[in-house]
C-alpha atoms as a PDB file:
ATOM      1  CA  MET A   1     -21.394 -65.473 -29.455  1.00  0.00           C
ATOM      2  CA  LYS A   2     -23.053 -62.151 -30.329  1.00  0.00           C
ATOM      3  CA  LYS A   3     -25.882 -62.840 -27.876  1.00  0.00           C
ATOM      4  CA  LEU A   4     -23.426 -63.552 -25.085  1.00  0.00           C
ATOM      5  CA  LEU A   5     -21.514 -60.354 -25.795  1.00  0.00           C
ATOM      6  CA  LEU A   6     -24.747 -58.353 -25.851  1.00  0.00           C
ATOM      7  CA  LEU A   7     -25.822 -59.938 -22.555  1.00  0.00           C
ATOM      8  CA  VAL A   8     -22.492 -59.056 -20.932  1.00  0.00           C
ATOM      9  CA  ILE A   9     -22.779 -55.446 -22.126  1.00  0.00           C
ATOM     10  CA  VAL A  10     -26.354 -55.139 -20.830  1.00  0.00           C
ATOM     11  CA  VAL A  11     -25.417 -56.619 -17.424  1.00  0.00           C
ATOM     12  CA  PHE A  12     -22.439 -54.259 -17.181  1.00  0.00           C
ATOM     13  CA  ALA A  13     -24.614 -51.243 -18.073  1.00  0.00           C
ATOM     14  CA  VAL A  14     -27.184 -52.194 -15.422  1.00  0.00           C
ATOM     15  CA  PHE A  15     -24.381 -52.635 -12.843  1.00  0.00           C
ATOM     16  CA  VAL A  16     -22.944 -49.200 -13.626  1.00  0.00           C
ATOM     17  CA  PHE A  17     -26.416 -47.614 -13.451  1.00  0.00           C
ATOM     18  CA  LEU A  18     -27.294 -49.211 -10.098  1.00  0.00           C
ATOM     19  CA  PHE A  19     -23.935 -48.487  -8.460  1.00  0.00           C
ATOM     20  CA  ARG A  20     -23.207 -45.100 -10.061  1.00  0.00           C
ATOM     21  CA  GLN A  21     -22.656 -43.410  -6.662  1.00  0.00           C
ATOM     22  CA  ARG A  22     -20.401 -46.198  -5.376  1.00  0.00           C
ATOM     23  CA  LEU A  23     -18.377 -46.763  -8.549  1.00  0.00           C
ATOM     24  CA  PHE A  24     -15.390 -44.461  -8.999  1.00  0.00           C
ATOM     25  CA  LEU A  25     -13.682 -44.476 -12.410  1.00  0.00           C
ATOM     26  CA  ARG A  26     -10.187 -43.122 -12.946  1.00  0.00           C
ATOM     27  CA  ASP A  27      -9.846 -39.770 -14.624  1.00  0.00           C
ATOM     28  CA  PRO A  28      -6.449 -39.913 -16.366  1.00  0.00           C
ATOM     29  CA  LEU A  29      -6.519 -36.182 -17.189  1.00  0.00           C
ATOM     30  CA  ALA A  30      -7.154 -35.055 -13.598  1.00  0.00           C
ATOM     31  CA  SER A  31      -4.393 -33.575 -11.470  1.00  0.00           C
ATOM     32  CA  LEU A  32      -3.837 -32.800  -7.805  1.00  0.00           C
ATOM     33  CA  THR A  33      -1.845 -29.887  -6.442  1.00  0.00           C
ATOM     34  CA  ARG A  34      -0.998 -29.343  -2.777  1.00  0.00           C
ATOM     35  CA  ASP A  35      -0.071 -25.726  -1.954  1.00  0.00           C
ATOM     36  CA  GLY A  36       0.467 -25.087  -5.679  1.00  0.00           C
ATOM     37  CA  VAL A  37       2.854 -28.025  -6.212  1.00  0.00           C
ATOM     38  CA  LYS A  38       1.698 -30.906  -8.413  1.00  0.00           C
ATOM     39  CA  GLU A  39       1.663 -34.180  -6.489  1.00  0.00           C
ATOM     40  CA  SER A  40       3.153 -37.037  -8.496  1.00  0.00           C
ATOM     41  CA  GLY A  41       1.673 -40.496  -8.087  1.00  0.00           C
ATOM     42  CA  ALA A  42      -1.799 -39.224  -7.197  1.00  0.00           C
ATOM     43  CA  GLN A  43      -4.535 -41.041  -9.094  1.00  0.00           C
ATOM     44  CA  ILE A  44      -7.912 -39.316  -9.219  1.00  0.00           C
ATOM     45  CA  PHE A  45     -11.163 -41.286  -9.424  1.00  0.00           C
ATOM     46  CA  ILE A  46     -14.614 -39.720  -9.851  1.00  0.00           C
ATOM     47  CA  ASN A  47     -18.150 -41.052  -9.661  1.00  0.00           C
ATOM     48  CA  TYR A  48     -21.423 -39.915 -11.234  1.00  0.00           C
ATOM     49  CA  PRO A  49     -22.147 -36.971  -8.856  1.00  0.00           C
ATOM     50  CA  SER A  50     -18.471 -35.852  -9.153  1.00  0.00           C
ATOM     51  CA  ASP A  51     -17.312 -37.036  -5.745  1.00  0.00           C
ATOM     52  CA  VAL A  52     -13.537 -37.483  -5.708  1.00  0.00           C
ATOM     53  CA  LEU A  53     -11.375 -40.379  -4.559  1.00  0.00           C
ATOM     54  CA  VAL A  54      -7.608 -39.792  -4.432  1.00  0.00           C
ATOM     55  CA  GLU A  55      -5.168 -42.684  -4.226  1.00  0.00           C
ATOM     56  CA  ASN A  56      -1.458 -41.955  -3.956  1.00  0.00           C
ATOM     57  CA  ASP A  57       1.029 -44.779  -4.524  1.00  0.00           C
ATOM     58  CA  ASN A  58       4.116 -42.725  -3.659  1.00  0.00           C
ATOM     59  CA  ALA A  59       5.313 -42.160  -0.103  1.00  0.00           C
ATOM     60  CA  PRO A  60       3.438 -41.218   1.975  1.00  0.00           C
ATOM     61  CA  MET A  61       0.782 -43.557   0.571  1.00  0.00           C
ATOM     62  CA  TYR A  62      -2.827 -42.597   1.277  1.00  0.00           C
ATOM     63  CA  VAL A  63      -6.426 -42.896   0.094  1.00  0.00           C
ATOM     64  CA  LEU A  64      -8.765 -39.938   0.510  1.00  0.00           C
ATOM     65  CA  ILE A  65     -12.416 -39.453  -0.417  1.00  0.00           C
ATOM     66  CA  VAL A  66     -14.262 -36.124  -0.739  1.00  0.00           C
ATOM     67  CA  GLN A  67     -18.039 -36.421  -1.028  1.00  0.00           C
ATOM     68  CA  HIS A  68     -20.698 -33.741  -1.405  1.00  0.00           C
ATOM     69  CA  GLY A  69     -21.962 -32.690   2.016  1.00  0.00           C
ATOM     70  CA  GLN A  70     -19.887 -35.292   3.847  1.00  0.00           C
ATOM     71  CA  HIS A  71     -16.658 -35.353   5.787  1.00  0.00           C
ATOM     72  CA  ILE A  72     -13.329 -35.897   4.124  1.00  0.00           C
ATOM     73  CA  GLY A  73     -11.354 -38.997   5.040  1.00  0.00           C
ATOM     74  CA  ALA A  74     -10.211 -42.504   4.261  1.00  0.00           C
ATOM     75  CA  PRO A  75     -13.003 -44.906   3.229  1.00  0.00           C
ATOM     76  CA  ARG A  76     -13.525 -47.874   5.552  1.00  0.00           C
ATOM     77  CA  GLN A  77     -13.933 -50.403   2.719  1.00  0.00           C
ATOM     78  CA  LEU A  78     -12.669 -49.979  -0.809  1.00  0.00           C
ATOM     79  CA  LYS A  79     -12.305 -52.550  -3.574  1.00  0.00           C
ATOM     80  CA  CYS A  80     -10.164 -51.456  -6.504  1.00  0.00           C
ATOM     81  CA  VAL A  81      -8.958 -52.605  -9.869  1.00  0.00           C
ATOM     82  CA  HIS A  82      -5.658 -50.731  -9.803  1.00  0.00           C
ATOM     83  CA  TRP A  83      -5.564 -47.678 -12.136  1.00  0.00           C
ATOM     84  CA  VAL A  84      -9.077 -48.423 -13.473  1.00  0.00           C
ATOM     85  CA  ALA A  85     -11.930 -48.284 -10.946  1.00  0.00           C
ATOM     86  CA  CYS A  86     -12.841 -48.485  -7.264  1.00  0.00           C
ATOM     87  CA  LEU A  87     -16.045 -49.488  -5.480  1.00  0.00           C
ATOM     88  CA  THR A  88     -17.003 -48.187  -2.021  1.00  0.00           C
ATOM     89  CA  ASP A  89     -19.144 -49.982   0.563  1.00  0.00           C
ATOM     90  CA  ALA A  90     -22.189 -47.674   0.275  1.00  0.00           C
ATOM     91  CA  ASP A  91     -23.522 -44.685  -1.670  1.00  0.00           C
ATOM     92  CA  VAL A  92     -22.179 -42.493   1.134  1.00  0.00           C
ATOM     93  CA  ALA A  93     -18.920 -44.209   2.026  1.00  0.00           C
ATOM     94  CA  MET A  94     -18.263 -44.992   5.672  1.00  0.00           C
ATOM     95  CA  LEU A  95     -15.045 -43.326   6.781  1.00  0.00           C
ATOM     96  CA  SER A  96     -12.489 -45.074   8.965  1.00  0.00           C
ATOM     97  CA  GLU A  97     -10.894 -41.810  10.048  1.00  0.00           C
ATOM     98  CA  PRO A  98     -12.743 -38.569   9.214  1.00  0.00           C
ATOM     99  CA  LEU A  99     -10.379 -35.616   8.869  1.00  0.00           C
ATOM    100  CA  ALA A 100     -10.945 -32.134  10.209  1.00  0.00           C
ATOM    101  CA  ALA A 101     -10.814 -30.694   6.701  1.00  0.00           C
ATOM    102  CA  GLN A 102     -12.830 -27.937   5.083  1.00  0.00           C
ATOM    103  CA  VAL A 103     -14.211 -28.070   1.517  1.00  0.00           C
ATOM    104  CA  ASN A 104     -13.985 -24.678  -0.204  1.00  0.00           C
ATOM    105  CA  GLU A 105     -15.386 -25.500  -3.649  1.00  0.00           C
ATOM    106  CA  MET A 106     -16.781 -28.633  -5.226  1.00  0.00           C
ATOM    107  CA  SER A 107     -17.951 -28.721  -8.843  1.00  0.00           C
ATOM    108  CA  GLY A 108     -17.712 -30.995 -11.860  1.00  0.00           C
ATOM    109  CA  LYS A 109     -14.395 -29.389 -12.867  1.00  0.00           C
ATOM    110  CA  LEU A 110     -12.723 -28.443  -9.593  1.00  0.00           C
ATOM    111  CA  VAL A 111     -12.529 -29.612  -5.986  1.00  0.00           C
ATOM    112  CA  GLU A 112     -10.737 -27.365  -3.511  1.00  0.00           C
ATOM    113  CA  PHE A 113     -10.279 -28.089   0.172  1.00  0.00           C
ATOM    114  CA  ARG A 114      -7.943 -27.462   3.081  1.00  0.00           C
ATOM    115  CA  ASP A 115      -6.686 -30.697   4.616  1.00  0.00           C
ATOM    116  CA  ALA A 116      -6.168 -31.381   8.330  1.00  0.00           C
ATOM    117  CA  ALA A 117      -2.537 -30.204   8.130  1.00  0.00           C
ATOM    118  CA  GLY A 118      -3.653 -26.823   6.728  1.00  0.00           C
ATOM    119  CA  HIS A 119      -2.483 -27.404   3.139  1.00  0.00           C
ATOM    120  CA  ASP A 120      -4.589 -26.078   0.270  1.00  0.00           C
ATOM    121  CA  VAL A 121      -5.458 -29.005  -2.004  1.00  0.00           C
ATOM    122  CA  ARG A 122      -6.820 -28.471  -5.509  1.00  0.00           C
ATOM    123  CA  VAL A 123      -8.097 -31.321  -7.689  1.00  0.00           C
ATOM    124  CA  THR A 124      -8.676 -30.331 -11.308  1.00  0.00           C
ATOM    125  CA  LEU A 125     -10.928 -32.773 -13.174  1.00  0.00           C
ATOM    126  CA  ARG A 126     -11.002 -33.604 -16.911  1.00  0.00           C
END
Protein backbone atom coordinates (compact mmCIF):
# COMPACT_ATOMS: atom_id res chain seq x y z
CA MET A 1 0.00 0.00 0.00
CA LYS A 2 2.82 2.42 0.85
CA LYS A 3 4.56 1.67 -2.45
CA LEU A 4 1.39 2.38 -4.39
CA LEU A 5 0.88 5.67 -2.58
CA LEU A 6 4.50 6.66 -3.21
CA LEU A 7 4.13 5.76 -6.90
CA VAL A 8 0.98 7.89 -7.20
CA ILE A 9 2.73 10.85 -5.56
CA VAL A 10 5.76 10.53 -7.86
CA VAL A 11 3.57 10.29 -10.99
CA PHE A 12 1.58 13.33 -9.86
CA ALA A 13 4.77 15.32 -9.21
CA VAL A 14 6.14 14.45 -12.66
CA PHE A 15 2.79 15.46 -14.25
CA VAL A 16 2.81 18.82 -12.47
CA PHE A 17 6.45 19.42 -13.47
CA LEU A 18 5.89 18.58 -17.15
CA PHE A 19 2.66 20.57 -17.49
CA ARG A 20 3.51 23.49 -15.18
CA GLN A 21 2.72 26.09 -17.89
CA ARG A 22 -0.58 24.43 -18.85
CA LEU A 23 -1.81 23.61 -15.34
CA PHE A 24 -3.66 26.43 -13.58
CA LEU A 25 -4.36 25.97 -9.85
CA ARG A 26 -6.97 28.02 -8.01
CA ASP A 27 -5.75 30.78 -5.76
CA PRO A 28 -8.45 31.10 -3.08
CA LEU A 29 -6.95 34.33 -1.70
CA ALA A 30 -6.90 36.14 -5.06
CA SER A 31 -9.46 38.80 -5.91
CA LEU A 32 -10.63 40.62 -9.02
CA THR A 33 -11.82 44.21 -9.16
CA ARG A 34 -13.33 45.89 -12.22
CA ASP A 35 -13.19 49.71 -12.07
CA GLY A 36 -12.54 49.48 -8.32
CA VAL A 37 -15.55 47.24 -7.56
CA LYS A 38 -14.89 43.69 -6.37
CA GLU A 39 -16.42 41.14 -8.73
CA SER A 40 -18.22 38.36 -6.88
CA GLY A 41 -18.11 34.86 -8.32
CA ALA A 42 -14.76 35.35 -10.04
CA GLN A 43 -12.39 32.45 -9.45
CA ILE A 44 -8.71 33.12 -10.11
CA PHE A 45 -6.35 30.38 -11.29
CA ILE A 46 -2.59 30.81 -11.72
CA ASN A 47 0.14 28.69 -13.25
CA TYR A 48 3.89 28.47 -12.64
CA PRO A 49 4.93 31.63 -14.58
CA SER A 50 2.02 33.56 -12.94
CA ASP A 51 -0.28 33.66 -15.95
CA VAL A 52 -3.87 34.25 -14.86
CA LEU A 53 -7.08 32.43 -15.74
CA VAL A 54 -10.35 34.01 -14.56
CA GLU A 55 -13.57 32.02 -14.47
CA ASN A 56 -16.78 33.75 -13.42
CA ASP A 57 -19.83 31.64 -12.58
CA ASN A 58 -22.18 34.59 -12.05
CA ALA A 59 -23.97 36.36 -14.89
CA PRO A 60 -22.48 37.28 -17.26
CA MET A 61 -20.48 34.04 -17.20
CA TYR A 62 -17.05 34.16 -18.84
CA VAL A 63 -13.58 32.62 -18.94
CA LEU A 64 -10.58 34.85 -19.56
CA ILE A 65 -6.86 34.10 -19.78
CA VAL A 66 -4.00 36.62 -19.49
CA GLN A 67 -0.59 35.27 -20.48
CA HIS A 68 2.81 36.95 -20.51
CA GLY A 69 3.45 38.48 -23.93
CA GLN A 70 0.24 37.09 -25.42
CA HIS A 71 -3.20 38.40 -26.21
CA ILE A 72 -6.00 38.34 -23.69
CA GLY A 73 -9.05 36.22 -24.45
CA ALA A 74 -11.05 33.07 -23.96
CA PRO A 75 -9.04 29.83 -24.29
CA ARG A 76 -10.12 27.54 -27.13
CA GLN A 77 -9.88 24.34 -25.05
CA LEU A 78 -10.00 24.15 -21.29
CA LYS A 79 -10.49 21.14 -19.03
CA CYS A 80 -11.35 21.96 -15.43
CA VAL A 81 -11.98 20.34 -12.11
CA HIS A 82 -14.38 22.97 -10.80
CA TRP A 83 -12.88 25.22 -8.07
CA VAL A 84 -9.59 23.25 -8.07
CA ALA A 85 -7.58 23.28 -11.31
CA CYS A 86 -7.74 23.82 -15.07
CA LEU A 87 -5.60 22.50 -17.92
CA THR A 88 -5.17 24.36 -21.23
CA ASP A 89 -4.45 22.79 -24.63
CA ALA A 90 -0.85 24.06 -24.94
CA ASP A 91 1.84 25.97 -23.04
CA VAL A 92 0.63 29.09 -24.85
CA ALA A 93 -3.12 28.60 -24.94
CA MET A 94 -4.89 28.99 -28.26
CA LEU A 95 -7.55 31.68 -27.99
CA SER A 96 -11.00 31.30 -29.51
CA GLU A 97 -11.64 35.04 -29.45
CA PRO A 98 -8.68 37.34 -28.71
CA LEU A 99 -9.78 40.62 -27.13
CA ALA A 100 -8.45 44.05 -27.97
CA ALA A 101 -7.22 44.51 -24.41
CA GLN A 102 -4.07 46.11 -23.07
CA VAL A 103 -1.96 44.70 -20.21
CA ASN A 104 -0.62 47.46 -17.95
CA GLU A 105 1.25 45.43 -15.33
CA MET A 106 1.88 41.74 -14.83
CA SER A 107 3.82 40.40 -11.85
CA GLY A 108 3.61 37.57 -9.35
CA LYS A 109 1.37 39.68 -7.08
CA LEU A 110 -0.66 41.85 -9.44
CA VAL A 111 -2.12 41.75 -12.94
CA GLU A 112 -3.63 44.96 -14.29
CA PHE A 113 -5.21 45.37 -17.71
CA ARG A 114 -7.86 47.33 -19.57
CA ASP A 115 -10.45 45.05 -21.15
CA ALA A 116 -12.08 45.52 -24.57
CA ALA A 117 -14.95 47.52 -23.02
CA GLY A 118 -12.46 50.00 -21.49
CA HIS A 119 -12.82 48.84 -17.87
CA ASP A 120 -9.75 48.77 -15.64
CA VAL A 121 -9.36 45.23 -14.30
CA ARG A 122 -7.06 44.45 -11.37
CA VAL A 123 -6.29 40.90 -10.23
CA THR A 124 -4.53 40.72 -6.87
CA LEU A 125 -2.82 37.37 -6.27
CA ARG A 126 -2.09 35.61 -2.95
